[in-house]
Amino acid sequence: IDKGFTVDTTLLETAGQQRIPVNYEGFTVHFVINVTALAITDVKVHTGPDVTDYFVGDTFNPNGITLELLYNNSTTKIIDSGFNLSIPDMSTAGVKTIYVYYKNFALYVQITVNKVEPDFITLVSLPDKTQYFCGNALDLTGLEIILTYTNGSTEDVTDKCVISGYEPLKAGTQTI
């Protein structure tokens, strides 16, 4: 018989031994099954954070971290919330480990925190005065020099620069 009977499948939602009734044309027969509770058997990092390279002083952004839950029925589920993270020390350079905790599982992802260092300087504007007579003092009014760091931040370093190479008594083009 492959049709015309009913089986109460709601009993499959409760773990343990279940007595399943099968009804056919007013007759009922039962059989016993064992229902195992769905349980997580393993957790893996499915995707790490979107950003893995930082600079000292940046704030860690956990966006993008997802976990893959593996169940005892061979199914999987991807989650992007409901887990806890350790907070990395972003004040020093180096490889940082972020621990990811989900239920009784502990995993980790890693990021790199880079030292902020000078990258290059840019001459934004020349001094207002670029023509001199022998004996004139060098006037740097209007000169602007910007230092760019490896993290993209900038600093006006005009007043910190050491200017050399100007000889007030020498005629001709001079590079300073």
C-alpha atoms as a PDB file:
ATOM      1  CA  ILE A   1       0.000   0.000   0.000  1.00  0.00           C
ATOM      2  CA  ASP A   2       1.530   3.266  -1.037  1.00  0.00           C
ATOM      3  CA  LYS A   3      -1.432   5.661  -0.644  1.00  0.00           C
ATOM      4  CA  GLY A   4      -4.537   6.250   1.415  1.00  0.00           C
ATOM      5  CA  PHE A   5      -2.858   6.036   4.795  1.00  0.00           C
ATOM      6  CA  THR A   6      -1.841   8.805   7.245  1.00  0.00           C
ATOM      7  CA  VAL A   7       1.231   9.057   9.449  1.00  0.00           C
ATOM      8  CA  ASP A   8       1.633  11.538  12.325  1.00  0.00           C
ATOM      9  CA  THR A   9       5.028  13.120  11.546  1.00  0.00           C
ATOM     10  CA  THR A  10       4.786  15.764  14.300  1.00  0.00           C
ATOM     11  CA  LEU A  11       6.296  13.167  16.611  1.00  0.00           C
ATOM     12  CA  LEU A  12       9.560  13.511  14.660  1.00  0.00           C
ATOM     13  CA  GLU A  13      10.057  16.932  16.269  1.00  0.00           C
ATOM     14  CA  THR A  14      10.719  15.464  19.730  1.00  0.00           C
ATOM     15  CA  ALA A  15      13.958  13.665  20.570  1.00  0.00           C
ATOM     16  CA  GLY A  16      13.816  10.183  22.030  1.00  0.00           C
ATOM     17  CA  GLN A  17      11.920   7.002  21.319  1.00  0.00           C
ATOM     18  CA  GLN A  18       8.641   7.722  19.496  1.00  0.00           C
ATOM     19  CA  ARG A  19       5.685   5.469  18.796  1.00  0.00           C
ATOM     20  CA  ILE A  20       4.427   6.445  15.330  1.00  0.00           C
ATOM     21  CA  PRO A  21       0.775   5.669  14.439  1.00  0.00           C
ATOM     22  CA  VAL A  22      -0.170   4.741  10.879  1.00  0.00           C
ATOM     23  CA  ASN A  23      -3.906   4.936  10.039  1.00  0.00           C
ATOM     24  CA  TYR A  24      -5.567   3.155   7.131  1.00  0.00           C
ATOM     25  CA  GLU A  25      -9.319   2.796   6.574  1.00  0.00           C
ATOM     26  CA  GLY A  26     -10.102   2.966  10.300  1.00  0.00           C
ATOM     27  CA  PHE A  27      -7.259   0.675  11.373  1.00  0.00           C
ATOM     28  CA  THR A  28      -4.196   1.850  13.272  1.00  0.00           C
ATOM     29  CA  VAL A  29      -0.831   0.210  13.568  1.00  0.00           C
ATOM     30  CA  HIS A  30       2.244   1.581  15.372  1.00  0.00           C
ATOM     31  CA  PHE A  31       5.958   1.306  14.944  1.00  0.00           C
ATOM     32  CA  VAL A  32       8.745   2.652  17.132  1.00  0.00           C
ATOM     33  CA  ILE A  33      11.587   4.881  15.979  1.00  0.00           C
ATOM     34  CA  ASN A  34      14.403   6.685  17.759  1.00  0.00           C
ATOM     35  CA  VAL A  35      14.588  10.439  17.040  1.00  0.00           C
ATOM     36  CA  THR A  36      18.006  11.979  17.673  1.00  0.00           C
ATOM     37  CA  ALA A  37      18.146  15.627  18.687  1.00  0.00           C
ATOM     38  CA  LEU A  38      19.783  17.898  16.145  1.00  0.00           C
ATOM     39  CA  ALA A  39      23.165  18.951  17.514  1.00  0.00           C
ATOM     40  CA  ILE A  40      26.146  20.947  16.322  1.00  0.00           C
ATOM     41  CA  THR A  41      29.153  18.674  15.922  1.00  0.00           C
ATOM     42  CA  ASP A  42      31.657  21.228  14.617  1.00  0.00           C
ATOM     43  CA  VAL A  43      32.024  24.915  13.817  1.00  0.00           C
ATOM     44  CA  LYS A  44      34.367  26.354  11.204  1.00  0.00           C
ATOM     45  CA  VAL A  45      35.208  29.861  10.083  1.00  0.00           C
ATOM     46  CA  HIS A  46      33.392  30.165   6.759  1.00  0.00           C
ATOM     47  CA  THR A  47      34.671  33.660   5.877  1.00  0.00           C
ATOM     48  CA  GLY A  48      37.054  35.937   7.717  1.00  0.00           C
ATOM     49  CA  PRO A  49      36.645  39.680   8.153  1.00  0.00           C
ATOM     50  CA  ASP A  50      36.299  41.829   5.029  1.00  0.00           C
ATOM     51  CA  VAL A  51      39.341  43.876   6.090  1.00  0.00           C
ATOM     52  CA  THR A  52      42.448  42.038   7.258  1.00  0.00           C
ATOM     53  CA  ASP A  53      45.114  44.752   6.942  1.00  0.00           C
ATOM     54  CA  TYR A  54      45.071  47.672   9.359  1.00  0.00           C
ATOM     55  CA  PHE A  55      47.352  50.376  10.679  1.00  0.00           C
ATOM     56  CA  VAL A  56      48.240  51.071  14.296  1.00  0.00           C
ATOM     57  CA  GLY A  57      45.394  53.083  15.816  1.00  0.00           C
ATOM     58  CA  ASP A  58      42.691  51.812  13.431  1.00  0.00           C
ATOM     59  CA  THR A  59      39.532  50.198  14.805  1.00  0.00           C
ATOM     60  CA  PHE A  60      38.964  46.523  14.057  1.00  0.00           C
ATOM     61  CA  ASN A  61      35.856  45.896  11.940  1.00  0.00           C
ATOM     62  CA  PRO A  62      34.431  42.365  12.235  1.00  0.00           C
ATOM     63  CA  ASN A  63      32.079  42.726   9.238  1.00  0.00           C
ATOM     64  CA  GLY A  64      32.265  39.729   6.947  1.00  0.00           C
ATOM     65  CA  ILE A  65      32.974  37.072   9.565  1.00  0.00           C
ATOM     66  CA  THR A  66      30.692  34.089   9.087  1.00  0.00           C
ATOM     67  CA  LEU A  67      30.706  30.679  10.696  1.00  0.00           C
ATOM     68  CA  GLU A  68      29.673  27.338   9.254  1.00  0.00           C
ATOM     69  CA  LEU A  69      27.800  25.127  11.710  1.00  0.00           C
ATOM     70  CA  LEU A  70      28.008  21.385  11.011  1.00  0.00           C
ATOM     71  CA  TYR A  71      25.219  19.221  12.436  1.00  0.00           C
ATOM     72  CA  ASN A  72      24.998  15.550  13.342  1.00  0.00           C
ATOM     73  CA  ASN A  73      22.601  14.956  10.415  1.00  0.00           C
ATOM     74  CA  SER A  74      25.295  16.079   7.908  1.00  0.00           C
ATOM     75  CA  THR A  75      23.615  19.438   7.246  1.00  0.00           C
ATOM     76  CA  THR A  76      25.297  22.798   7.568  1.00  0.00           C
ATOM     77  CA  LYS A  77      24.210  26.333   8.315  1.00  0.00           C
ATOM     78  CA  ILE A  78      26.058  29.623   7.761  1.00  0.00           C
ATOM     79  CA  ILE A  79      25.632  32.297  10.432  1.00  0.00           C
ATOM     80  CA  ASP A  80      26.858  35.901  10.551  1.00  0.00           C
ATOM     81  CA  SER A  81      25.775  36.781  14.099  1.00  0.00           C
ATOM     82  CA  GLY A  82      25.236  35.227  17.500  1.00  0.00           C
ATOM     83  CA  PHE A  83      28.922  34.705  18.256  1.00  0.00           C
ATOM     84  CA  ASN A  84      31.363  36.677  20.401  1.00  0.00           C
ATOM     85  CA  LEU A  85      34.758  38.052  19.418  1.00  0.00           C
ATOM     86  CA  SER A  86      37.853  39.019  21.353  1.00  0.00           C
ATOM     87  CA  ILE A  87      39.070  42.565  20.747  1.00  0.00           C
ATOM     88  CA  PRO A  88      42.572  42.815  19.249  1.00  0.00           C
ATOM     89  CA  ASP A  89      45.176  45.261  20.519  1.00  0.00           C
ATOM     90  CA  MET A  90      45.373  47.786  17.676  1.00  0.00           C
ATOM     91  CA  SER A  91      47.988  49.963  19.422  1.00  0.00           C
ATOM     92  CA  THR A  92      50.970  47.908  18.268  1.00  0.00           C
ATOM     93  CA  ALA A  93      52.024  46.466  14.912  1.00  0.00           C
ATOM     94  CA  GLY A  94      51.992  42.746  14.185  1.00  0.00           C
ATOM     95  CA  VAL A  95      49.762  39.778  13.409  1.00  0.00           C
ATOM     96  CA  LYS A  96      46.759  39.797  15.739  1.00  0.00           C
ATOM     97  CA  THR A  97      44.562  36.838  16.607  1.00  0.00           C
ATOM     98  CA  ILE A  98      40.851  37.433  17.103  1.00  0.00           C
ATOM     99  CA  TYR A  99      39.119  34.617  18.935  1.00  0.00           C
ATOM    100  CA  VAL A 100      35.592  33.727  17.834  1.00  0.00           C
ATOM    101  CA  TYR A 101      33.372  32.025  20.405  1.00  0.00           C
ATOM    102  CA  TYR A 102      30.155  30.215  19.514  1.00  0.00           C
ATOM    103  CA  LYS A 103      28.442  28.094  22.167  1.00  0.00           C
ATOM    104  CA  ASN A 104      31.232  25.808  23.439  1.00  0.00           C
ATOM    105  CA  PHE A 105      33.395  26.217  20.318  1.00  0.00           C
ATOM    106  CA  ALA A 106      36.395  28.537  20.032  1.00  0.00           C
ATOM    107  CA  LEU A 107      37.969  29.469  16.701  1.00  0.00           C
ATOM    108  CA  TYR A 108      40.142  32.293  15.486  1.00  0.00           C
ATOM    109  CA  VAL A 109      40.861  34.605  12.580  1.00  0.00           C
ATOM    110  CA  GLN A 110      43.946  36.734  12.083  1.00  0.00           C
ATOM    111  CA  ILE A 111      44.577  40.263  10.910  1.00  0.00           C
ATOM    112  CA  THR A 112      47.721  42.293  10.372  1.00  0.00           C
ATOM    113  CA  VAL A 113      48.270  45.651  12.050  1.00  0.00           C
ATOM    114  CA  ASN A 114      50.932  47.670  10.246  1.00  0.00           C
ATOM    115  CA  LYS A 115      53.143  50.381  11.669  1.00  0.00           C
ATOM    116  CA  VAL A 116      52.303  53.903  10.457  1.00  0.00           C
ATOM    117  CA  GLU A 117      55.413  55.289   8.778  1.00  0.00           C
ATOM    118  CA  PRO A 118      56.269  58.243   6.534  1.00  0.00           C
ATOM    119  CA  ASP A 119      55.665  57.276   2.903  1.00  0.00           C
ATOM    120  CA  PHE A 120      56.448  60.361   0.775  1.00  0.00           C
ATOM    121  CA  ILE A 121      56.481  64.162   0.787  1.00  0.00           C
ATOM    122  CA  THR A 122      54.712  66.471  -1.618  1.00  0.00           C
ATOM    123  CA  LEU A 123      55.724  70.012  -2.505  1.00  0.00           C
ATOM    124  CA  VAL A 124      52.270  71.591  -2.516  1.00  0.00           C
ATOM    125  CA  SER A 125      53.394  75.143  -3.262  1.00  0.00           C
ATOM    126  CA  LEU A 126      56.658  76.939  -3.949  1.00  0.00           C
ATOM    127  CA  PRO A 127      57.639  79.989  -1.913  1.00  0.00           C
ATOM    128  CA  ASP A 128      55.971  83.201  -3.107  1.00  0.00           C
ATOM    129  CA  LYS A 129      59.408  84.593  -3.947  1.00  0.00           C
ATOM    130  CA  THR A 130      61.653  82.573  -6.275  1.00  0.00           C
ATOM    131  CA  GLN A 131      63.797  85.395  -7.753  1.00  0.00           C
ATOM    132  CA  TYR A 132      66.595  86.921  -5.661  1.00  0.00           C
ATOM    133  CA  PHE A 133      69.498  89.312  -5.945  1.00  0.00           C
ATOM    134  CA  CYS A 134      72.884  88.357  -4.556  1.00  0.00           C
ATOM    135  CA  GLY A 135      72.887  88.923  -0.825  1.00  0.00           C
ATOM    136  CA  ASN A 136      69.091  88.591  -0.330  1.00  0.00           C
ATOM    137  CA  ALA A 137      67.927  86.429   2.573  1.00  0.00           C
ATOM    138  CA  LEU A 138      65.849  83.385   1.647  1.00  0.00           C
ATOM    139  CA  ASP A 139      62.101  84.038   2.146  1.00  0.00           C
ATOM    140  CA  LEU A 140      60.052  80.829   2.434  1.00  0.00           C
ATOM    141  CA  THR A 141      56.650  82.517   2.785  1.00  0.00           C
ATOM    142  CA  GLY A 142      54.084  80.498   0.819  1.00  0.00           C
ATOM    143  CA  LEU A 143      56.121  77.257   0.860  1.00  0.00           C
ATOM    144  CA  GLU A 144      54.007  74.234   1.755  1.00  0.00           C
ATOM    145  CA  ILE A 145      55.285  70.667   2.143  1.00  0.00           C
ATOM    146  CA  ILE A 146      52.975  67.787   3.089  1.00  0.00           C
ATOM    147  CA  LEU A 147      54.130  64.432   4.478  1.00  0.00           C
ATOM    148  CA  THR A 148      51.925  61.443   3.630  1.00  0.00           C
ATOM    149  CA  TYR A 149      52.029  58.384   5.877  1.00  0.00           C
ATOM    150  CA  THR A 150      51.532  54.736   4.885  1.00  0.00           C
ATOM    151  CA  ASN A 151      47.974  54.822   6.271  1.00  0.00           C
ATOM    152  CA  GLY A 152      47.047  57.734   3.981  1.00  0.00           C
ATOM    153  CA  SER A 153      47.011  60.401   6.689  1.00  0.00           C
ATOM    154  CA  THR A 154      48.860  63.639   5.996  1.00  0.00           C
ATOM    155  CA  GLU A 155      50.695  66.272   7.981  1.00  0.00           C
ATOM    156  CA  ASP A 156      51.920  69.745   7.048  1.00  0.00           C
ATOM    157  CA  VAL A 157      55.658  69.545   7.775  1.00  0.00           C
ATOM    158  CA  THR A 158      56.705  72.848   6.226  1.00  0.00           C
ATOM    159  CA  ASP A 159      57.905  74.260   9.558  1.00  0.00           C
ATOM    160  CA  LYS A 160      59.706  71.012  10.428  1.00  0.00           C
ATOM    161  CA  CYS A 161      61.789  70.813   7.237  1.00  0.00           C
ATOM    162  CA  VAL A 162      65.466  71.668   7.253  1.00  0.00           C
ATOM    163  CA  ILE A 163      66.165  73.901   4.265  1.00  0.00           C
ATOM    164  CA  SER A 164      69.713  73.708   2.929  1.00  0.00           C
ATOM    165  CA  GLY A 165      71.656  74.505  -0.202  1.00  0.00           C
ATOM    166  CA  TYR A 166      70.900  78.251  -0.480  1.00  0.00           C
ATOM    167  CA  GLU A 167      73.984  80.438  -0.918  1.00  0.00           C
ATOM    168  CA  PRO A 168      72.932  84.126  -0.865  1.00  0.00           C
ATOM    169  CA  LEU A 169      76.175  85.362  -2.396  1.00  0.00           C
ATOM    170  CA  LYS A 170      76.172  82.901  -5.315  1.00  0.00           C
ATOM    171  CA  ALA A 171      74.527  83.989  -8.577  1.00  0.00           C
ATOM    172  CA  GLY A 172      72.635  81.526 -10.803  1.00  0.00           C
ATOM    173  CA  THR A 173      70.007  78.825 -10.376  1.00  0.00           C
ATOM    174  CA  GLN A 174      70.159  77.066  -7.019  1.00  0.00           C
ATOM    175  CA  THR A 175      68.419  73.913  -5.880  1.00  0.00           C
ATOM    176  CA  ILE A 176      67.432  73.946  -2.222  1.00  0.00           C
END
